[in-house]
Amino acid sequence: MQETPFWLSVGHLLPYTMSDSNSTNFTNPSTFILLGVPGLEAAHVWISIPFCAMYAIVILGNFTILFIVKREPSLHRPMYYFLCMLVVTDLVQSTSVLPKMLSIFWFNSREIHFSACLTQMYFLISFSVMQSGILVAMAFDRYVAICDPLRHSTTLTNPVVAKIGLAMVLRGVMFIFPYPFLASKWPYCRTNIIPYTYCKHIAVVKLACTDIRISSYYSLSVAFFVTGVDVFCIAVSYTQILRAIFSLPTKDTRLKTFGTCSSHLCVILASYTPHIFSTITQRFGHNMALYFHVLMDNVCLLVPPMLNPIIYGVRTQEIWDRLLQIFTHKGP
């Protein structure tokens, strides 16, 4: 979704009520309290079952992709290098949240240290930015492969791919550093209770007893100048790709060429659709219970990392063939 991606994190935080006994006056909290799924505490163990299963699929599926690409020389190409980068971002985002989430569900371990909370927030948002950039890089790879295939091998060389990957990492690190930095400077009061399973950015800064418009404005700026640009670049790339595909002479050729983009398009849909739905429900579902919004956020964290390796495993012939070789114990 992975916390709900940073470009959505400036959205509405549903109001919630806490008892007076849960309210404290302090300036710098040593810990926050994560409630898990408010209103469904009695069902935490049952709720943990599907999330634990999804996380197991995330770990198994993504490490399988990394293993196959590493072991298969024919997959040592830009498309699969970018796929490996995407896999790493999925693993980091889900692992930043799930272990703590499961400890809440299983052991009622709700406390999280202030610095650990900010670290979790930083990893979730920064790797979300990296993931967005990698989707742009994958779109560029498909653009060059289809619109200028003769120059693909000379345009996207291994050093170029490495530089693109490094640029995505630095962009995520630099643009998102102000998020936890600003959050660490705010004075906190009233309560240290977060009605979520993880340290969602807006949920944390809303606890500050000061004007947090700087954090909100910076979030909006990043959403516009980073994510907005990424979405625009993807749209431009696929506009050119579709123009090139429709100019091909036969229907079979068009379908075959479009098929080389299908996995990437499915990953884009899997990445954005859950978060769009979550944003709509948060904006307009004010009468919905808080636990519904919390569950939606958690689903958005896990569904894309779970679906991405499945999409590439099923829809990419080279990976599918290698999977069959592994499970049938046949040599190449």
Protein backbone atom coordinates (compact mmCIF):
# COMPACT_ATOMS: atom_id res chain seq x y z
CA MET A 1 0.00 0.00 0.00
CA GLN A 2 3.89 -0.86 3.17
CA GLU A 3 2.25 2.00 5.16
CA THR A 4 -0.39 3.76 3.16
CA PRO A 5 1.96 5.48 0.74
CA PHE A 6 3.25 8.85 1.75
CA TRP A 7 1.29 10.67 -0.93
CA LEU A 8 -1.88 9.57 0.91
CA SER A 9 -0.52 10.05 4.41
CA VAL A 10 -1.68 13.65 4.59
CA GLY A 11 -5.28 12.46 4.43
CA HIS A 12 -7.95 12.70 7.06
CA LEU A 13 -7.29 11.02 10.40
CA LEU A 14 -10.58 9.80 11.73
CA PRO A 15 -11.40 11.11 15.17
CA TYR A 16 -11.25 8.68 18.00
CA THR A 17 -11.97 8.90 21.69
CA MET A 18 -9.86 7.78 24.59
CA SER A 19 -10.71 7.54 28.24
CA ASP A 20 -9.28 10.15 30.60
CA SER A 21 -7.10 7.47 32.15
CA ASN A 22 -5.31 7.09 28.87
CA SER A 23 -4.50 10.77 28.61
CA THR A 24 -1.18 12.06 29.86
CA ASN A 25 0.65 15.35 29.85
CA PHE A 26 4.22 15.07 28.63
CA THR A 27 6.64 16.78 26.26
CA ASN A 28 8.77 13.99 24.84
CA PRO A 29 7.19 10.54 25.09
CA SER A 30 9.54 7.63 25.59
CA THR A 31 7.03 5.23 24.05
CA PHE A 32 3.85 5.16 22.03
CA ILE A 33 1.03 2.67 22.49
CA LEU A 34 -0.26 0.95 19.34
CA LEU A 35 -3.84 -0.18 19.84
CA GLY A 36 -3.88 -2.70 17.01
CA VAL A 37 -7.41 -2.81 15.60
CA PRO A 38 -9.56 -0.67 17.93
CA GLY A 39 -12.88 -2.29 18.73
CA LEU A 40 -11.77 -5.75 17.65
CA GLU A 41 -9.22 -6.49 20.38
CA ALA A 42 -10.98 -9.73 21.28
CA ALA A 43 -10.53 -10.96 17.71
CA HIS A 44 -6.85 -10.04 17.37
CA VAL A 45 -5.71 -13.67 17.26
CA TRP A 46 -8.19 -14.48 14.49
CA ILE A 47 -7.30 -11.32 12.58
CA SER A 48 -3.63 -12.32 12.74
CA ILE A 49 -4.23 -15.53 10.79
CA PRO A 50 -4.84 -14.01 7.30
CA PHE A 51 -2.16 -11.36 7.85
CA CYS A 52 0.36 -13.98 8.93
CA ALA A 53 -0.53 -16.09 5.87
CA MET A 54 -0.12 -13.09 3.55
CA TYR A 55 3.23 -12.23 5.11
CA ALA A 56 4.41 -15.81 4.61
CA ILE A 57 3.47 -15.51 0.92
CA VAL A 58 5.32 -12.17 0.73
CA ILE A 59 8.51 -13.71 2.14
CA LEU A 60 8.32 -16.92 0.12
CA GLY A 61 7.29 -15.29 -3.16
CA ASN A 62 9.74 -12.41 -3.13
CA PHE A 63 12.74 -14.47 -2.04
CA THR A 64 11.86 -16.99 -4.76
CA ILE A 65 12.01 -14.22 -7.36
CA LEU A 66 15.39 -13.08 -6.05
CA PHE A 67 16.69 -16.65 -6.07
CA ILE A 68 15.52 -17.36 -9.62
CA VAL A 69 16.94 -14.13 -11.06
CA LYS A 70 20.26 -14.72 -9.33
CA ARG A 71 20.56 -18.34 -10.50
CA GLU A 72 19.35 -17.87 -14.08
CA PRO A 73 21.89 -16.05 -16.33
CA SER A 74 19.27 -15.42 -19.02
CA LEU A 75 17.41 -13.18 -16.53
CA HIS A 76 20.40 -10.90 -15.94
CA ARG A 77 18.75 -8.09 -17.86
CA PRO A 78 17.52 -4.58 -16.90
CA MET A 79 13.88 -5.66 -16.60
CA TYR A 80 14.73 -8.28 -13.97
CA TYR A 81 17.24 -6.09 -12.18
CA PHE A 82 14.47 -3.53 -11.68
CA LEU A 83 12.16 -6.35 -10.60
CA CYS A 84 14.68 -7.35 -7.92
CA MET A 85 14.77 -3.75 -6.69
CA LEU A 86 10.98 -3.78 -6.50
CA VAL A 87 11.11 -7.05 -4.55
CA VAL A 88 13.52 -5.56 -2.01
CA THR A 89 11.26 -2.55 -1.41
CA ASP A 90 8.30 -4.90 -0.89
CA LEU A 91 10.24 -6.99 1.61
CA VAL A 92 11.46 -3.98 3.59
CA GLN A 93 8.05 -2.31 3.77
CA SER A 94 6.17 -5.42 4.88
CA THR A 95 8.90 -6.48 7.34
CA SER A 96 8.93 -3.00 8.87
CA VAL A 97 5.35 -3.51 9.99
CA LEU A 98 4.36 -7.17 10.24
CA PRO A 99 6.56 -8.43 13.10
CA LYS A 100 5.35 -5.66 15.41
CA MET A 101 1.78 -6.07 14.20
CA LEU A 102 1.84 -9.80 14.98
CA SER A 103 3.36 -9.16 18.41
CA ILE A 104 0.36 -6.91 19.14
CA PHE A 105 -2.08 -9.56 17.94
CA TRP A 106 -0.40 -12.52 19.67
CA PHE A 107 1.27 -11.13 22.80
CA ASN A 108 -0.53 -7.81 23.35
CA SER A 109 2.88 -6.12 23.05
CA ARG A 110 1.61 -2.64 22.25
CA GLU A 111 4.46 -0.42 23.35
CA ILE A 112 6.89 0.91 20.78
CA HIS A 113 9.80 3.18 21.64
CA PHE A 114 9.59 6.71 20.30
CA SER A 115 12.74 6.34 18.18
CA ALA A 116 11.62 2.92 16.91
CA CYS A 117 8.28 4.43 15.91
CA LEU A 118 9.99 7.17 13.90
CA THR A 119 12.35 4.61 12.35
CA GLN A 120 9.42 2.46 11.27
CA MET A 121 7.71 5.52 9.80
CA TYR A 122 10.86 6.49 7.91
CA PHE A 123 11.43 3.05 6.40
CA LEU A 124 7.83 2.73 5.29
CA ILE A 125 7.65 6.10 3.58
CA SER A 126 11.16 6.19 2.12
CA PHE A 127 10.85 2.72 0.58
CA SER A 128 7.45 3.70 -0.76
CA VAL A 129 9.18 6.57 -2.58
CA MET A 130 11.85 4.18 -3.86
CA GLN A 131 9.16 1.79 -5.08
CA SER A 132 7.41 4.58 -6.97
CA GLY A 133 10.67 5.49 -8.68
CA ILE A 134 11.37 1.86 -9.59
CA LEU A 135 7.96 1.61 -11.27
CA VAL A 136 9.02 4.63 -13.38
CA ALA A 137 12.32 2.93 -14.24
CA MET A 138 10.46 -0.23 -15.29
CA ALA A 139 8.16 1.87 -17.49
CA PHE A 140 11.24 3.47 -19.08
CA ASP A 141 12.72 0.01 -19.69
CA ARG A 142 9.52 -1.08 -21.49
CA TYR A 143 9.49 2.20 -23.46
CA VAL A 144 13.03 1.68 -24.78
CA ALA A 145 12.44 -2.03 -25.45
CA ILE A 146 9.36 -1.34 -27.57
CA CYS A 147 9.93 2.10 -29.07
CA ASP A 148 13.68 1.83 -29.70
CA PRO A 149 14.58 -1.88 -29.39
CA LEU A 150 17.86 -1.64 -31.32
CA ARG A 151 19.28 0.73 -28.71
CA HIS A 152 17.92 -1.07 -25.63
CA SER A 153 21.13 -2.95 -24.82
CA THR A 154 23.28 0.16 -25.26
CA THR A 155 20.90 2.51 -23.43
CA LEU A 156 20.20 0.41 -20.35
CA THR A 157 23.61 -1.04 -19.62
CA ASN A 158 24.42 -2.53 -16.22
CA PRO A 159 26.18 0.66 -15.01
CA VAL A 160 23.17 2.74 -16.08
CA VAL A 161 20.77 0.40 -14.27
CA ALA A 162 22.95 0.60 -11.14
CA LYS A 163 22.98 4.41 -11.31
CA ILE A 164 19.19 4.50 -11.69
CA GLY A 165 18.83 2.23 -8.67
CA LEU A 166 21.21 4.38 -6.62
CA ALA A 167 19.32 7.53 -7.65
CA MET A 168 16.04 5.98 -6.47
CA VAL A 169 17.60 5.08 -3.10
CA LEU A 170 19.08 8.55 -2.59
CA ARG A 171 15.82 10.19 -3.59
CA GLY A 172 13.90 8.15 -1.01
CA VAL A 173 16.49 8.80 1.70
CA MET A 174 16.78 12.55 1.13
CA PHE A 175 13.18 13.52 0.44
CA ILE A 176 11.73 11.57 3.36
CA PHE A 177 14.30 12.44 6.03
CA PRO A 178 12.30 15.56 7.08
CA TYR A 179 9.31 13.36 8.00
CA PRO A 180 10.82 11.78 11.15
CA PHE A 181 13.06 14.79 11.74
CA LEU A 182 10.09 17.14 12.04
CA ALA A 183 8.09 14.58 14.02
CA SER A 184 10.93 14.25 16.53
CA LYS A 185 10.96 18.01 17.13
CA TRP A 186 7.27 18.43 17.97
CA PRO A 187 6.21 18.56 21.63
CA TYR A 188 3.68 15.83 22.40
CA CYS A 189 0.87 15.97 24.91
CA ARG A 190 -2.59 14.68 25.80
CA THR A 191 -1.98 11.07 24.81
CA ASN A 192 0.66 8.73 23.43
CA ILE A 193 -1.90 6.29 22.01
CA ILE A 194 -1.92 5.55 18.27
CA PRO A 195 -5.12 3.79 17.10
CA TYR A 196 -3.29 1.76 14.45
CA THR A 197 -1.09 -1.30 14.18
CA TYR A 198 1.90 0.75 13.03
CA CYS A 199 3.30 4.27 13.25
CA LYS A 200 1.36 5.98 10.52
CA HIS A 201 2.81 9.43 9.85
CA ILE A 202 -0.35 11.49 10.20
CA ALA A 203 -1.46 9.50 13.26
CA VAL A 204 1.82 10.30 15.00
CA VAL A 205 2.06 14.02 14.22
CA LYS A 206 -1.61 14.53 15.13
CA LEU A 207 -0.59 13.75 18.71
CA ALA A 208 1.64 16.83 18.84
CA CYS A 209 0.31 19.77 20.87
CA THR A 210 1.55 22.38 18.41
CA ASP A 211 0.94 23.61 14.89
CA ILE A 212 1.93 20.77 12.53
CA ARG A 213 1.25 22.59 9.26
CA ILE A 214 4.93 22.32 8.29
CA SER A 215 4.66 18.53 8.31
CA SER A 216 1.39 18.65 6.37
CA TYR A 217 2.70 21.12 3.79
CA TYR A 218 5.89 19.15 3.31
CA SER A 219 3.88 15.95 2.79
CA LEU A 220 1.79 17.69 0.16
CA SER A 221 4.92 19.05 -1.54
CA VAL A 222 6.51 15.62 -1.70
CA ALA A 223 3.26 14.15 -2.99
CA PHE A 224 3.18 16.70 -5.81
CA PHE A 225 6.86 16.90 -6.76
CA VAL A 226 7.73 13.21 -6.32
CA THR A 227 4.69 11.00 -6.78
CA GLY A 228 2.96 13.37 -9.16
CA VAL A 229 6.03 13.45 -11.40
CA ASP A 230 6.36 9.65 -11.21
CA VAL A 231 2.76 9.08 -12.26
CA PHE A 232 3.16 11.61 -15.08
CA CYS A 233 6.31 9.86 -16.35
CA ILE A 234 4.61 6.47 -16.30
CA ALA A 235 1.63 7.88 -18.19
CA VAL A 236 3.87 9.50 -20.82
CA SER A 237 5.88 6.28 -21.25
CA TYR A 238 2.79 4.17 -21.81
CA THR A 239 1.27 6.73 -24.16
CA GLN A 240 4.33 6.36 -26.38
CA ILE A 241 4.32 2.58 -25.92
CA LEU A 242 0.68 2.30 -27.00
CA ARG A 243 1.34 4.50 -30.02
CA ALA A 244 4.20 2.22 -31.05
CA ILE A 245 2.10 -0.91 -30.48
CA PHE A 246 -0.85 0.33 -32.53
CA SER A 247 1.50 1.15 -35.40
CA LEU A 248 2.54 -2.51 -35.71
CA PRO A 249 1.23 -4.28 -38.81
CA THR A 250 -0.61 -7.33 -37.42
CA LYS A 251 -2.88 -8.03 -34.48
CA ASP A 252 -0.76 -10.95 -33.28
CA THR A 253 2.34 -8.78 -33.22
CA ARG A 254 0.50 -6.08 -31.31
CA LEU A 255 -0.78 -8.55 -28.72
CA LYS A 256 2.62 -10.17 -28.31
CA THR A 257 4.33 -6.82 -27.84
CA PHE A 258 1.71 -5.60 -25.42
CA GLY A 259 2.16 -8.83 -23.47
CA THR A 260 5.69 -7.78 -22.57
CA CYS A 261 4.16 -4.88 -20.61
CA SER A 262 1.31 -6.76 -19.00
CA SER A 263 3.18 -7.78 -15.84
CA HIS A 264 4.32 -4.23 -15.18
CA LEU A 265 0.82 -2.86 -15.76
CA CYS A 266 -0.65 -5.42 -13.37
CA VAL A 267 1.90 -4.46 -10.71
CA ILE A 268 0.98 -0.77 -11.14
CA LEU A 269 -2.70 -1.63 -10.68
CA ALA A 270 -1.92 -3.83 -7.67
CA SER A 271 0.11 -1.03 -6.12
CA TYR A 272 -2.29 1.85 -6.62
CA THR A 273 -5.81 0.38 -6.58
CA PRO A 274 -5.94 -0.65 -2.88
CA HIS A 275 -4.66 2.76 -1.79
CA ILE A 276 -7.12 4.63 -3.99
CA PHE A 277 -9.95 2.59 -2.45
CA SER A 278 -8.57 3.19 1.06
CA THR A 279 -8.32 6.94 0.43
CA ILE A 280 -11.90 7.11 -0.84
CA THR A 281 -13.21 5.27 2.21
CA GLN A 282 -11.22 7.53 4.56
CA ARG A 283 -12.36 10.70 2.83
CA PHE A 284 -16.04 9.81 2.49
CA GLY A 285 -16.58 6.93 4.91
CA HIS A 286 -16.83 9.01 8.07
CA ASN A 287 -19.69 6.86 9.34
CA MET A 288 -17.63 3.68 9.03
CA ALA A 289 -16.09 2.16 12.14
CA LEU A 290 -12.45 2.98 12.86
CA TYR A 291 -11.50 -0.69 12.75
CA PHE A 292 -12.60 -0.84 9.10
CA HIS A 293 -10.15 1.92 8.16
CA VAL A 294 -7.36 0.32 10.17
CA LEU A 295 -7.95 -3.04 8.52
CA MET A 296 -7.96 -1.37 5.10
CA ASP A 297 -4.60 0.25 5.82
CA ASN A 298 -3.16 -3.11 6.83
CA VAL A 299 -4.50 -4.79 3.71
CA CYS A 300 -2.93 -2.04 1.60
CA LEU A 301 0.40 -2.78 3.25
CA LEU A 302 0.38 -6.47 2.39
CA VAL A 303 -1.62 -6.99 -0.80
CA PRO A 304 0.84 -5.37 -3.28
CA PRO A 305 3.97 -7.15 -1.89
CA MET A 306 2.00 -10.40 -1.92
CA LEU A 307 0.68 -9.99 -5.48
CA ASN A 308 3.83 -8.69 -7.19
CA PRO A 309 5.83 -11.96 -7.16
CA ILE A 310 2.70 -13.90 -8.12
CA ILE A 311 2.08 -11.59 -11.08
CA TYR A 312 5.63 -11.85 -12.36
CA GLY A 313 5.83 -15.56 -11.63
CA VAL A 314 2.68 -16.36 -13.57
CA ARG A 315 2.82 -13.81 -16.39
CA THR A 316 6.56 -13.83 -17.16
CA GLN A 317 7.46 -16.88 -19.20
CA GLU A 318 11.14 -17.01 -18.23
CA ILE A 319 10.35 -16.97 -14.49
CA TRP A 320 7.49 -19.45 -14.91
CA ASP A 321 9.70 -21.86 -16.83
CA ARG A 322 12.38 -21.67 -14.17
CA LEU A 323 9.80 -22.28 -11.44
CA LEU A 324 8.60 -25.38 -13.25
CA GLN A 325 12.19 -26.61 -13.53
CA ILE A 326 12.65 -26.18 -9.78
CA PHE A 327 9.48 -27.98 -8.78
CA THR A 328 9.82 -30.77 -11.35
CA HIS A 329 13.58 -31.16 -10.69
CA LYS A 330 14.35 -30.87 -14.36
CA GLY A 331 17.50 -29.32 -15.67
CA PRO A 332 17.46 -26.35 -18.04
